[in-house]
């Protein structure tokens, strides 16, 4: 094999119902005779990132380098998961491993054939990428979920290709996030496919919806954004200031300004929902003479 060979990508463009039907026909009519084979040559393997690659970003060079280092001490990495399509096998999971093998000038690599349909393989690619050594981050998971939401059934009965449950498992996002994406897809109509990322689609949705109809974040997105803020605050002020309630209260009030009452209300709700903090809310009410939960804080 010549150095610099790169397994070619087959099939480009939007994953339309017609394209999914074509791929399923290729799977059913594969010319690969031995689907129990444990290895394939690189020229038998293709990639189809627009269908089976949840990561929209370019491959991580650091991760590829780490895998190449592993290949110095072990013969093989975990088998690349592939789906037989026509005369080739297409990668479902293992794009970084494939790149590491290519850069190490390997002719033959270990594989595992996926035995399901194209539709099942799409879901599997997301599920595998959510649990690997380099798992998908929040942006990659929501982009993958957004892509799955926009896939519709082939044929006359147009509808969602994947159920809400299937998407939450494949992309590791909440059902609330999927529900929001479906609302966005419905609101954006045919223009939904113009927005490859959930951030872009969410912004377009926000621009055309009333505040009441706009539901931008799922639970896991809220948690990740909150954790990001918490980490930044910790790095900026340290624990000694955080342990001084008066300094923290004054500093946050200066920062939040007129948003302070709304944030206080949300903080009280968070405390009430946390078993370890709920009793503190009651203590505060008693200390300040608050009569009930609906008092004007």
C-alpha atoms as a PDB file:
ATOM      1  CA  UNK A   1       0.000   0.000   0.000  1.00  0.00           C
ATOM      2  CA  UNK A   2       1.362   3.401  -0.885  1.00  0.00           C
ATOM      3  CA  UNK A   3       2.063   5.768   1.987  1.00  0.00           C
ATOM      4  CA  UNK A   4      -0.497   8.506   2.342  1.00  0.00           C
ATOM      5  CA  UNK A   5      -3.409   6.335   1.185  1.00  0.00           C
ATOM      6  CA  UNK A   6      -6.654   7.509   2.746  1.00  0.00           C
ATOM      7  CA  UNK A   7      -9.785   5.342   2.750  1.00  0.00           C
ATOM      8  CA  UNK A   8     -12.216   7.168   0.528  1.00  0.00           C
ATOM      9  CA  UNK A   9     -15.576   8.539   1.564  1.00  0.00           C
ATOM     10  CA  UNK A  10     -18.628   7.410  -0.381  1.00  0.00           C
ATOM     11  CA  UNK A  11     -21.889   9.255  -0.651  1.00  0.00           C
ATOM     12  CA  UNK A  12     -22.142  12.972  -0.019  1.00  0.00           C
ATOM     13  CA  UNK A  13     -24.863  15.446   0.816  1.00  0.00           C
ATOM     14  CA  UNK A  14     -27.951  15.452   2.977  1.00  0.00           C
ATOM     15  CA  UNK A  15     -29.196  12.137   4.345  1.00  0.00           C
ATOM     16  CA  UNK A  16     -32.515  12.082   2.506  1.00  0.00           C
ATOM     17  CA  UNK A  17     -35.126   9.304   2.766  1.00  0.00           C
ATOM     18  CA  UNK A  18     -34.142   8.238  -0.745  1.00  0.00           C
ATOM     19  CA  UNK A  19     -30.496   8.039   0.275  1.00  0.00           C
ATOM     20  CA  UNK A  20     -31.354   5.907   3.311  1.00  0.00           C
ATOM     21  CA  UNK A  21     -33.372   3.549   1.115  1.00  0.00           C
ATOM     22  CA  UNK A  22     -30.470   3.309  -1.344  1.00  0.00           C
ATOM     23  CA  UNK A  23     -28.032   2.480   1.469  1.00  0.00           C
ATOM     24  CA  UNK A  24     -30.338  -0.188   2.872  1.00  0.00           C
ATOM     25  CA  UNK A  25     -30.549  -1.790  -0.565  1.00  0.00           C
ATOM     26  CA  UNK A  26     -26.749  -1.784  -0.756  1.00  0.00           C
ATOM     27  CA  UNK A  27     -26.591  -3.461   2.649  1.00  0.00           C
ATOM     28  CA  UNK A  28     -29.042  -6.159   1.661  1.00  0.00           C
ATOM     29  CA  UNK A  29     -27.217  -6.760  -1.607  1.00  0.00           C
ATOM     30  CA  UNK A  30     -23.670  -6.731  -0.253  1.00  0.00           C
ATOM     31  CA  UNK A  31     -21.120  -8.738  -2.203  1.00  0.00           C
ATOM     32  CA  UNK A  32     -18.916  -9.307   0.849  1.00  0.00           C
ATOM     33  CA  UNK A  33     -19.064 -13.080   1.200  1.00  0.00           C
ATOM     34  CA  UNK A  34     -17.712 -13.622   4.725  1.00  0.00           C
ATOM     35  CA  UNK A  35     -19.372 -11.329   7.260  1.00  0.00           C
ATOM     36  CA  UNK A  36     -17.689 -13.277  10.052  1.00  0.00           C
ATOM     37  CA  UNK A  37     -14.262 -12.090   8.954  1.00  0.00           C
ATOM     38  CA  UNK A  38     -12.227 -10.466  11.708  1.00  0.00           C
ATOM     39  CA  UNK A  39     -10.103  -8.287   9.398  1.00  0.00           C
ATOM     40  CA  UNK A  40     -10.240  -6.307   6.163  1.00  0.00           C
ATOM     41  CA  UNK A  41      -7.714  -4.531   3.975  1.00  0.00           C
ATOM     42  CA  UNK A  42      -7.885  -0.743   3.900  1.00  0.00           C
ATOM     43  CA  UNK A  43      -8.980  -0.693   0.277  1.00  0.00           C
ATOM     44  CA  UNK A  44     -12.108  -2.625   1.306  1.00  0.00           C
ATOM     45  CA  UNK A  45     -13.087   0.056   3.822  1.00  0.00           C
ATOM     46  CA  UNK A  46     -14.892   3.321   3.172  1.00  0.00           C
ATOM     47  CA  UNK A  47     -16.098   6.135   5.390  1.00  0.00           C
ATOM     48  CA  UNK A  48     -19.416   7.945   5.176  1.00  0.00           C
ATOM     49  CA  UNK A  49     -19.111  10.712   7.800  1.00  0.00           C
ATOM     50  CA  UNK A  50     -22.270  12.524   6.729  1.00  0.00           C
ATOM     51  CA  UNK A  51     -24.234   9.442   7.836  1.00  0.00           C
ATOM     52  CA  UNK A  52     -22.192   7.605  10.456  1.00  0.00           C
ATOM     53  CA  UNK A  53     -19.971  10.216  12.085  1.00  0.00           C
ATOM     54  CA  UNK A  54     -21.561  12.194  14.962  1.00  0.00           C
ATOM     55  CA  UNK A  55     -18.481  14.421  15.261  1.00  0.00           C
ATOM     56  CA  UNK A  56     -18.817  17.400  12.930  1.00  0.00           C
ATOM     57  CA  UNK A  57     -15.290  18.528  13.744  1.00  0.00           C
ATOM     58  CA  UNK A  58     -12.083  17.285  12.120  1.00  0.00           C
ATOM     59  CA  UNK A  59     -10.356  14.295  13.732  1.00  0.00           C
ATOM     60  CA  UNK A  60      -8.486  14.989  16.967  1.00  0.00           C
ATOM     61  CA  UNK A  61      -4.794  14.880  16.104  1.00  0.00           C
ATOM     62  CA  UNK A  62      -3.961  14.281  19.776  1.00  0.00           C
ATOM     63  CA  UNK A  63      -6.228  11.249  19.923  1.00  0.00           C
ATOM     64  CA  UNK A  64      -4.825   9.860  16.682  1.00  0.00           C
ATOM     65  CA  UNK A  65      -1.285  10.362  18.024  1.00  0.00           C
ATOM     66  CA  UNK A  66      -2.171   8.528  21.233  1.00  0.00           C
ATOM     67  CA  UNK A  67      -3.590   5.634  19.232  1.00  0.00           C
ATOM     68  CA  UNK A  68      -0.467   5.495  17.072  1.00  0.00           C
ATOM     69  CA  UNK A  69       1.623   5.324  20.246  1.00  0.00           C
ATOM     70  CA  UNK A  70      -0.503   2.406  21.428  1.00  0.00           C
ATOM     71  CA  UNK A  71       0.166   0.608  18.160  1.00  0.00           C
ATOM     72  CA  UNK A  72       3.893   0.721  18.951  1.00  0.00           C
ATOM     73  CA  UNK A  73       3.339  -1.622  21.877  1.00  0.00           C
ATOM     74  CA  UNK A  74       0.297  -3.658  20.810  1.00  0.00           C
ATOM     75  CA  UNK A  75      -0.456  -5.278  17.501  1.00  0.00           C
ATOM     76  CA  UNK A  76      -4.066  -4.166  17.200  1.00  0.00           C
ATOM     77  CA  UNK A  77      -6.555  -1.738  18.695  1.00  0.00           C
ATOM     78  CA  UNK A  78     -10.219  -2.472  19.378  1.00  0.00           C
ATOM     79  CA  UNK A  79     -11.797  -3.648  16.106  1.00  0.00           C
ATOM     80  CA  UNK A  80     -13.342  -0.967  13.905  1.00  0.00           C
ATOM     81  CA  UNK A  81     -17.124  -1.400  13.677  1.00  0.00           C
ATOM     82  CA  UNK A  82     -18.225  -1.581  10.045  1.00  0.00           C
ATOM     83  CA  UNK A  83     -21.410  -2.080   8.032  1.00  0.00           C
ATOM     84  CA  UNK A  84     -21.354  -4.009   4.731  1.00  0.00           C
ATOM     85  CA  UNK A  85     -22.644  -1.816   1.892  1.00  0.00           C
ATOM     86  CA  UNK A  86     -22.310  -3.192  -1.615  1.00  0.00           C
ATOM     87  CA  UNK A  87     -18.735  -4.327  -2.212  1.00  0.00           C
ATOM     88  CA  UNK A  88     -17.278  -2.274   0.644  1.00  0.00           C
ATOM     89  CA  UNK A  89     -17.504  -2.003   4.422  1.00  0.00           C
ATOM     90  CA  UNK A  90     -18.362   1.441   5.800  1.00  0.00           C
ATOM     91  CA  UNK A  91     -17.101   2.594   9.199  1.00  0.00           C
ATOM     92  CA  UNK A  92     -19.763   3.044  11.874  1.00  0.00           C
ATOM     93  CA  UNK A  93     -17.401   3.556  14.808  1.00  0.00           C
ATOM     94  CA  UNK A  94     -13.617   3.817  14.809  1.00  0.00           C
ATOM     95  CA  UNK A  95     -12.736   6.714  12.507  1.00  0.00           C
ATOM     96  CA  UNK A  96      -9.768   7.737  14.689  1.00  0.00           C
ATOM     97  CA  UNK A  97      -8.516   4.156  14.870  1.00  0.00           C
ATOM     98  CA  UNK A  98      -8.784   3.898  11.101  1.00  0.00           C
ATOM     99  CA  UNK A  99      -6.726   7.064  10.703  1.00  0.00           C
ATOM    100  CA  UNK A 100      -4.093   5.761  13.134  1.00  0.00           C
ATOM    101  CA  UNK A 101      -3.777   2.513  11.163  1.00  0.00           C
ATOM    102  CA  UNK A 102      -3.504   4.487   7.927  1.00  0.00           C
ATOM    103  CA  UNK A 103      -0.721   6.673   9.298  1.00  0.00           C
ATOM    104  CA  UNK A 104       1.096   3.569  10.508  1.00  0.00           C
ATOM    105  CA  UNK A 105       0.935   2.245   6.941  1.00  0.00           C
ATOM    106  CA  UNK A 106      -1.047  -0.852   7.875  1.00  0.00           C
ATOM    107  CA  UNK A 107      -2.518  -2.892   5.017  1.00  0.00           C
ATOM    108  CA  UNK A 108      -5.003  -4.936   7.039  1.00  0.00           C
ATOM    109  CA  UNK A 109      -6.884  -3.985  10.198  1.00  0.00           C
ATOM    110  CA  UNK A 110      -9.217  -5.761  12.655  1.00  0.00           C
ATOM    111  CA  UNK A 111     -12.935  -5.161  12.130  1.00  0.00           C
ATOM    112  CA  UNK A 112     -16.282  -6.219  13.509  1.00  0.00           C
ATOM    113  CA  UNK A 113     -19.294  -6.383  11.211  1.00  0.00           C
ATOM    114  CA  UNK A 114     -22.492  -4.771  12.440  1.00  0.00           C
ATOM    115  CA  UNK A 115     -25.447  -7.067  11.867  1.00  0.00           C
ATOM    116  CA  UNK A 116     -28.308  -4.567  11.878  1.00  0.00           C
ATOM    117  CA  UNK A 117     -29.969  -2.309   9.344  1.00  0.00           C
ATOM    118  CA  UNK A 118     -28.708   1.068   8.143  1.00  0.00           C
ATOM    119  CA  UNK A 119     -31.194   2.787  10.452  1.00  0.00           C
ATOM    120  CA  UNK A 120     -29.919   0.773  13.428  1.00  0.00           C
ATOM    121  CA  UNK A 121     -26.315   1.456  12.413  1.00  0.00           C
ATOM    122  CA  UNK A 122     -26.913   5.215  12.496  1.00  0.00           C
ATOM    123  CA  UNK A 123     -28.164   4.984  16.068  1.00  0.00           C
ATOM    124  CA  UNK A 124     -25.296   2.681  17.011  1.00  0.00           C
ATOM    125  CA  UNK A 125     -22.698   5.123  15.721  1.00  0.00           C
ATOM    126  CA  UNK A 126     -23.982   7.780  18.110  1.00  0.00           C
ATOM    127  CA  UNK A 127     -24.226   5.389  21.056  1.00  0.00           C
ATOM    128  CA  UNK A 128     -20.673   4.120  20.518  1.00  0.00           C
ATOM    129  CA  UNK A 129     -19.241   7.623  20.256  1.00  0.00           C
ATOM    130  CA  UNK A 130     -20.922   8.630  23.521  1.00  0.00           C
ATOM    131  CA  UNK A 131     -19.042   6.019  25.545  1.00  0.00           C
ATOM    132  CA  UNK A 132     -15.590   5.778  23.944  1.00  0.00           C
ATOM    133  CA  UNK A 133     -12.242   6.927  25.351  1.00  0.00           C
ATOM    134  CA  UNK A 134     -12.842  10.298  23.726  1.00  0.00           C
ATOM    135  CA  UNK A 135     -16.611  10.728  24.262  1.00  0.00           C
ATOM    136  CA  UNK A 136     -18.654  13.327  22.441  1.00  0.00           C
ATOM    137  CA  UNK A 137     -18.900  16.679  24.170  1.00  0.00           C
ATOM    138  CA  UNK A 138     -22.227  18.436  24.684  1.00  0.00           C
ATOM    139  CA  UNK A 139     -22.081  20.331  21.395  1.00  0.00           C
ATOM    140  CA  UNK A 140     -21.308  17.173  19.425  1.00  0.00           C
ATOM    141  CA  UNK A 141     -24.079  15.226  21.174  1.00  0.00           C
ATOM    142  CA  UNK A 142     -26.711  17.892  20.554  1.00  0.00           C
ATOM    143  CA  UNK A 143     -25.610  18.289  16.927  1.00  0.00           C
ATOM    144  CA  UNK A 144     -25.959  14.538  16.460  1.00  0.00           C
ATOM    145  CA  UNK A 145     -29.406  14.567  18.077  1.00  0.00           C
ATOM    146  CA  UNK A 146     -30.436  17.470  15.830  1.00  0.00           C
ATOM    147  CA  UNK A 147     -29.309  15.474  12.811  1.00  0.00           C
ATOM    148  CA  UNK A 148     -31.323  12.440  13.911  1.00  0.00           C
ATOM    149  CA  UNK A 149     -34.409  14.584  14.536  1.00  0.00           C
ATOM    150  CA  UNK A 150     -34.261  15.858  10.947  1.00  0.00           C
ATOM    151  CA  UNK A 151     -34.143  12.365   9.438  1.00  0.00           C
ATOM    152  CA  UNK A 152     -37.556  11.281   8.149  1.00  0.00           C
ATOM    153  CA  UNK A 153     -39.005   7.975   6.990  1.00  0.00           C
ATOM    154  CA  UNK A 154     -38.620   7.021   3.332  1.00  0.00           C
ATOM    155  CA  UNK A 155     -41.697   6.498   1.244  1.00  0.00           C
ATOM    156  CA  UNK A 156     -45.084   8.165   1.334  1.00  0.00           C
ATOM    157  CA  UNK A 157     -45.627   8.147   5.103  1.00  0.00           C
ATOM    158  CA  UNK A 158     -43.396  11.027   6.073  1.00  0.00           C
ATOM    159  CA  UNK A 159     -42.606  11.098   9.764  1.00  0.00           C
ATOM    160  CA  UNK A 160     -39.755  10.915  12.229  1.00  0.00           C
ATOM    161  CA  UNK A 161     -37.318   8.134  11.351  1.00  0.00           C
ATOM    162  CA  UNK A 162     -36.280   7.696  14.978  1.00  0.00           C
ATOM    163  CA  UNK A 163     -38.322   7.750  18.163  1.00  0.00           C
ATOM    164  CA  UNK A 164     -37.572  10.166  20.978  1.00  0.00           C
ATOM    165  CA  UNK A 165     -36.246   7.266  23.045  1.00  0.00           C
ATOM    166  CA  UNK A 166     -33.909   6.099  20.274  1.00  0.00           C
ATOM    167  CA  UNK A 167     -32.454   9.593  19.902  1.00  0.00           C
ATOM    168  CA  UNK A 168     -31.928  10.104  23.636  1.00  0.00           C
ATOM    169  CA  UNK A 169     -30.013   6.810  23.843  1.00  0.00           C
ATOM    170  CA  UNK A 170     -27.941   7.343  20.692  1.00  0.00           C
ATOM    171  CA  UNK A 171     -26.986  10.960  21.410  1.00  0.00           C
ATOM    172  CA  UNK A 172     -27.028  10.828  25.229  1.00  0.00           C
ATOM    173  CA  UNK A 173     -29.306  13.860  25.511  1.00  0.00           C
ATOM    174  CA  UNK A 174     -32.504  14.347  27.486  1.00  0.00           C
ATOM    175  CA  UNK A 175     -36.006  13.792  26.134  1.00  0.00           C
ATOM    176  CA  UNK A 176     -36.636  17.484  26.799  1.00  0.00           C
ATOM    177  CA  UNK A 177     -33.851  18.426  24.423  1.00  0.00           C
ATOM    178  CA  UNK A 178     -35.264  16.149  21.709  1.00  0.00           C
ATOM    179  CA  UNK A 179     -38.728  17.615  22.248  1.00  0.00           C
ATOM    180  CA  UNK A 180     -37.301  21.127  21.841  1.00  0.00           C
ATOM    181  CA  UNK A 181     -35.521  20.085  18.664  1.00  0.00           C
ATOM    182  CA  UNK A 182     -38.724  18.681  17.209  1.00  0.00           C
ATOM    183  CA  UNK A 183     -40.497  21.955  17.947  1.00  0.00           C
ATOM    184  CA  UNK A 184     -37.645  23.834  16.263  1.00  0.00           C
ATOM    185  CA  UNK A 185     -37.719  21.527  13.228  1.00  0.00           C
ATOM    186  CA  UNK A 186     -41.461  22.026  12.905  1.00  0.00           C
ATOM    187  CA  UNK A 187     -41.157  25.801  13.240  1.00  0.00           C
ATOM    188  CA  UNK A 188     -38.279  26.059  10.761  1.00  0.00           C
ATOM    189  CA  UNK A 189     -39.934  23.735   8.239  1.00  0.00           C
ATOM    190  CA  UNK A 190     -37.919  23.044   5.097  1.00  0.00           C
ATOM    191  CA  UNK A 191     -35.313  25.561   6.268  1.00  0.00           C
ATOM    192  CA  UNK A 192     -34.315  23.243   9.141  1.00  0.00           C
ATOM    193  CA  UNK A 193     -31.780  21.483   6.919  1.00  0.00           C
ATOM    194  CA  UNK A 194     -30.031  24.816   6.353  1.00  0.00           C
ATOM    195  CA  UNK A 195     -28.745  24.651   9.943  1.00  0.00           C
ATOM    196  CA  UNK A 196     -26.287  21.749  10.441  1.00  0.00           C
ATOM    197  CA  UNK A 197     -25.680  22.553  14.115  1.00  0.00           C
ATOM    198  CA  UNK A 198     -28.192  22.794  16.937  1.00  0.00           C
ATOM    199  CA  UNK A 199     -26.761  26.167  18.046  1.00  0.00           C
ATOM    200  CA  UNK A 200     -27.497  27.687  14.629  1.00  0.00           C
ATOM    201  CA  UNK A 201     -30.932  26.093  14.458  1.00  0.00           C
ATOM    202  CA  UNK A 202     -31.767  27.224  17.975  1.00  0.00           C
ATOM    203  CA  UNK A 203     -30.797  30.790  17.148  1.00  0.00           C
ATOM    204  CA  UNK A 204     -32.899  30.752  13.972  1.00  0.00           C
ATOM    205  CA  UNK A 205     -35.809  29.353  15.955  1.00  0.00           C
ATOM    206  CA  UNK A 206     -35.426  32.038  18.599  1.00  0.00           C
ATOM    207  CA  UNK A 207     -35.417  34.750  15.946  1.00  0.00           C
ATOM    208  CA  UNK A 208     -38.829  33.729  14.632  1.00  0.00           C
ATOM    209  CA  UNK A 209     -40.611  32.598  17.807  1.00  0.00           C
ATOM    210  CA  UNK A 210     -42.243  34.448  20.694  1.00  0.00           C
ATOM    211  CA  UNK A 211     -40.486  34.075  24.084  1.00  0.00           C
ATOM    212  CA  UNK A 212     -43.323  31.789  25.262  1.00  0.00           C
ATOM    213  CA  UNK A 213     -42.851  29.349  22.362  1.00  0.00           C
ATOM    214  CA  UNK A 214     -39.064  29.319  22.483  1.00  0.00           C
ATOM    215  CA  UNK A 215     -37.632  26.465  24.590  1.00  0.00           C
ATOM    216  CA  UNK A 216     -33.859  26.594  24.026  1.00  0.00           C
ATOM    217  CA  UNK A 217     -32.270  24.251  26.561  1.00  0.00           C
ATOM    218  CA  UNK A 218     -32.712  20.688  27.716  1.00  0.00           C
ATOM    219  CA  UNK A 219     -31.841  19.634  31.247  1.00  0.00           C
ATOM    220  CA  UNK A 220     -28.336  18.373  30.460  1.00  0.00           C
ATOM    221  CA  UNK A 221     -27.514  21.589  28.578  1.00  0.00           C
ATOM    222  CA  UNK A 222     -28.592  23.660  31.589  1.00  0.00           C
ATOM    223  CA  UNK A 223     -26.442  21.518  33.868  1.00  0.00           C
ATOM    224  CA  UNK A 224     -23.382  21.754  31.645  1.00  0.00           C
ATOM    225  CA  UNK A 225     -23.712  25.523  31.275  1.00  0.00           C
ATOM    226  CA  UNK A 226     -24.161  25.837  35.043  1.00  0.00           C
ATOM    227  CA  UNK A 227     -21.088  23.696  35.682  1.00  0.00           C
ATOM    228  CA  UNK A 228     -19.076  25.847  33.282  1.00  0.00           C
ATOM    229  CA  UNK A 229     -20.033  28.982  35.222  1.00  0.00           C
ATOM    230  CA  UNK A 230     -19.278  27.301  38.554  1.00  0.00           C
ATOM    231  CA  UNK A 231     -15.824  26.222  37.361  1.00  0.00           C
ATOM    232  CA  UNK A 232     -15.005  29.703  36.087  1.00  0.00           C
ATOM    233  CA  UNK A 233     -16.097  31.317  39.344  1.00  0.00           C
ATOM    234  CA  UNK A 234     -14.001  28.836  41.324  1.00  0.00           C
ATOM    235  CA  UNK A 235     -10.912  29.624  39.259  1.00  0.00           C
ATOM    236  CA  UNK A 236     -11.504  33.368  39.495  1.00  0.00           C
ATOM    237  CA  UNK A 237     -12.263  33.920  43.171  1.00  0.00           C
ATOM    238  CA  UNK A 238     -11.118  30.814  45.018  1.00  0.00           C
ATOM    239  CA  UNK A 239     -12.798  29.146  47.981  1.00  0.00           C
ATOM    240  CA  UNK A 240     -11.845  31.716  50.636  1.00  0.00           C
ATOM    241  CA  UNK A 241     -14.158  34.363  49.148  1.00  0.00           C
ATOM    242  CA  UNK A 242     -16.861  31.812  48.442  1.00  0.00           C
ATOM    243  CA  UNK A 243     -16.943  31.056  52.161  1.00  0.00           C
ATOM    244  CA  UNK A 244     -17.783  34.680  52.970  1.00  0.00           C
ATOM    245  CA  UNK A 245     -21.545  35.118  52.297  1.00  0.00           C
ATOM    246  CA  UNK A 246     -21.473  38.909  52.561  1.00  0.00           C
ATOM    247  CA  UNK A 247     -18.680  39.328  50.019  1.00  0.00           C
ATOM    248  CA  UNK A 248     -20.342  36.851  47.645  1.00  0.00           C
ATOM    249  CA  UNK A 249     -23.748  38.506  48.021  1.00  0.00           C
ATOM    250  CA  UNK A 250     -22.373  41.975  47.369  1.00  0.00           C
ATOM    251  CA  UNK A 251     -20.253  40.835  44.443  1.00  0.00           C
ATOM    252  CA  UNK A 252     -23.070  38.899  42.771  1.00  0.00           C
ATOM    253  CA  UNK A 253     -25.496  41.781  43.296  1.00  0.00           C
ATOM    254  CA  UNK A 254     -23.080  44.186  41.603  1.00  0.00           C
ATOM    255  CA  UNK A 255     -22.684  41.755  38.719  1.00  0.00           C
ATOM    256  CA  UNK A 256     -26.355  40.799  38.327  1.00  0.00           C
ATOM    257  CA  UNK A 257     -27.878  44.223  38.945  1.00  0.00           C
ATOM    258  CA  UNK A 258     -31.609  44.207  38.220  1.00  0.00           C
ATOM    259  CA  UNK A 259     -31.466  40.480  37.462  1.00  0.00           C
ATOM    260  CA  UNK A 260     -30.645  39.756  41.119  1.00  0.00           C
ATOM    261  CA  UNK A 261     -34.248  39.039  42.297  1.00  0.00           C
ATOM    262  CA  UNK A 262     -34.846  36.540  39.483  1.00  0.00           C
ATOM    263  CA  UNK A 263     -31.571  34.763  40.234  1.00  0.00           C
ATOM    264  CA  UNK A 264     -32.391  34.634  43.962  1.00  0.00           C
ATOM    265  CA  UNK A 265     -35.759  33.069  43.166  1.00  0.00           C
ATOM    266  CA  UNK A 266     -34.117  30.436  40.980  1.00  0.00           C
ATOM    267  CA  UNK A 267     -31.505  29.734  43.675  1.00  0.00           C
ATOM    268  CA  UNK A 268     -34.275  29.144  46.220  1.00  0.00           C
ATOM    269  CA  UNK A 269     -35.980  26.703  43.842  1.00  0.00           C
ATOM    270  CA  UNK A 270     -32.675  24.863  43.324  1.00  0.00           C
ATOM    271  CA  UNK A 271     -32.172  24.631  47.093  1.00  0.00           C
ATOM    272  CA  UNK A 272     -35.695  23.339  47.657  1.00  0.00           C
ATOM    273  CA  UNK A 273     -35.138  20.592  45.078  1.00  0.00           C
ATOM    274  CA  UNK A 274     -31.860  19.508  46.685  1.00  0.00           C
ATOM    275  CA  UNK A 275     -32.468  17.248  49.740  1.00  0.00           C
ATOM    276  CA  UNK A 276     -29.166  18.374  51.233  1.00  0.00           C
ATOM    277  CA  UNK A 277     -30.141  22.070  51.069  1.00  0.00           C
ATOM    278  CA  UNK A 278     -33.920  22.131  51.417  1.00  0.00           C
ATOM    279  CA  UNK A 279     -33.812  22.632  55.194  1.00  0.00           C
ATOM    280  CA  UNK A 280     -31.720  25.780  54.707  1.00  0.00           C
ATOM    281  CA  UNK A 281     -34.578  27.479  52.837  1.00  0.00           C
ATOM    282  CA  UNK A 282     -36.872  26.857  55.800  1.00  0.00           C
ATOM    283  CA  UNK A 283     -34.264  28.290  58.166  1.00  0.00           C
ATOM    284  CA  UNK A 284     -33.984  31.414  56.014  1.00  0.00           C
ATOM    285  CA  UNK A 285     -37.763  31.846  56.000  1.00  0.00           C
ATOM    286  CA  UNK A 286     -37.887  31.641  59.769  1.00  0.00           C
ATOM    287  CA  UNK A 287     -34.950  33.993  60.186  1.00  0.00           C
ATOM    288  CA  UNK A 288     -36.409  36.665  57.910  1.00  0.00           C
ATOM    289  CA  UNK A 289     -40.066  36.116  58.673  1.00  0.00           C
ATOM    290  CA  UNK A 290     -41.072  34.894  55.219  1.00  0.00           C
ATOM    291  CA  UNK A 291     -44.609  33.592  55.458  1.00  0.00           C
ATOM    292  CA  UNK A 292     -44.778  31.206  52.500  1.00  0.00           C
ATOM    293  CA  UNK A 293     -43.004  30.024  49.364  1.00  0.00           C
ATOM    294  CA  UNK A 294     -44.756  32.622  47.245  1.00  0.00           C
ATOM    295  CA  UNK A 295     -43.553  35.583  49.288  1.00  0.00           C
ATOM    296  CA  UNK A 296     -41.889  38.426  47.425  1.00  0.00           C
ATOM    297  CA  UNK A 297     -38.228  37.782  48.120  1.00  0.00           C
END
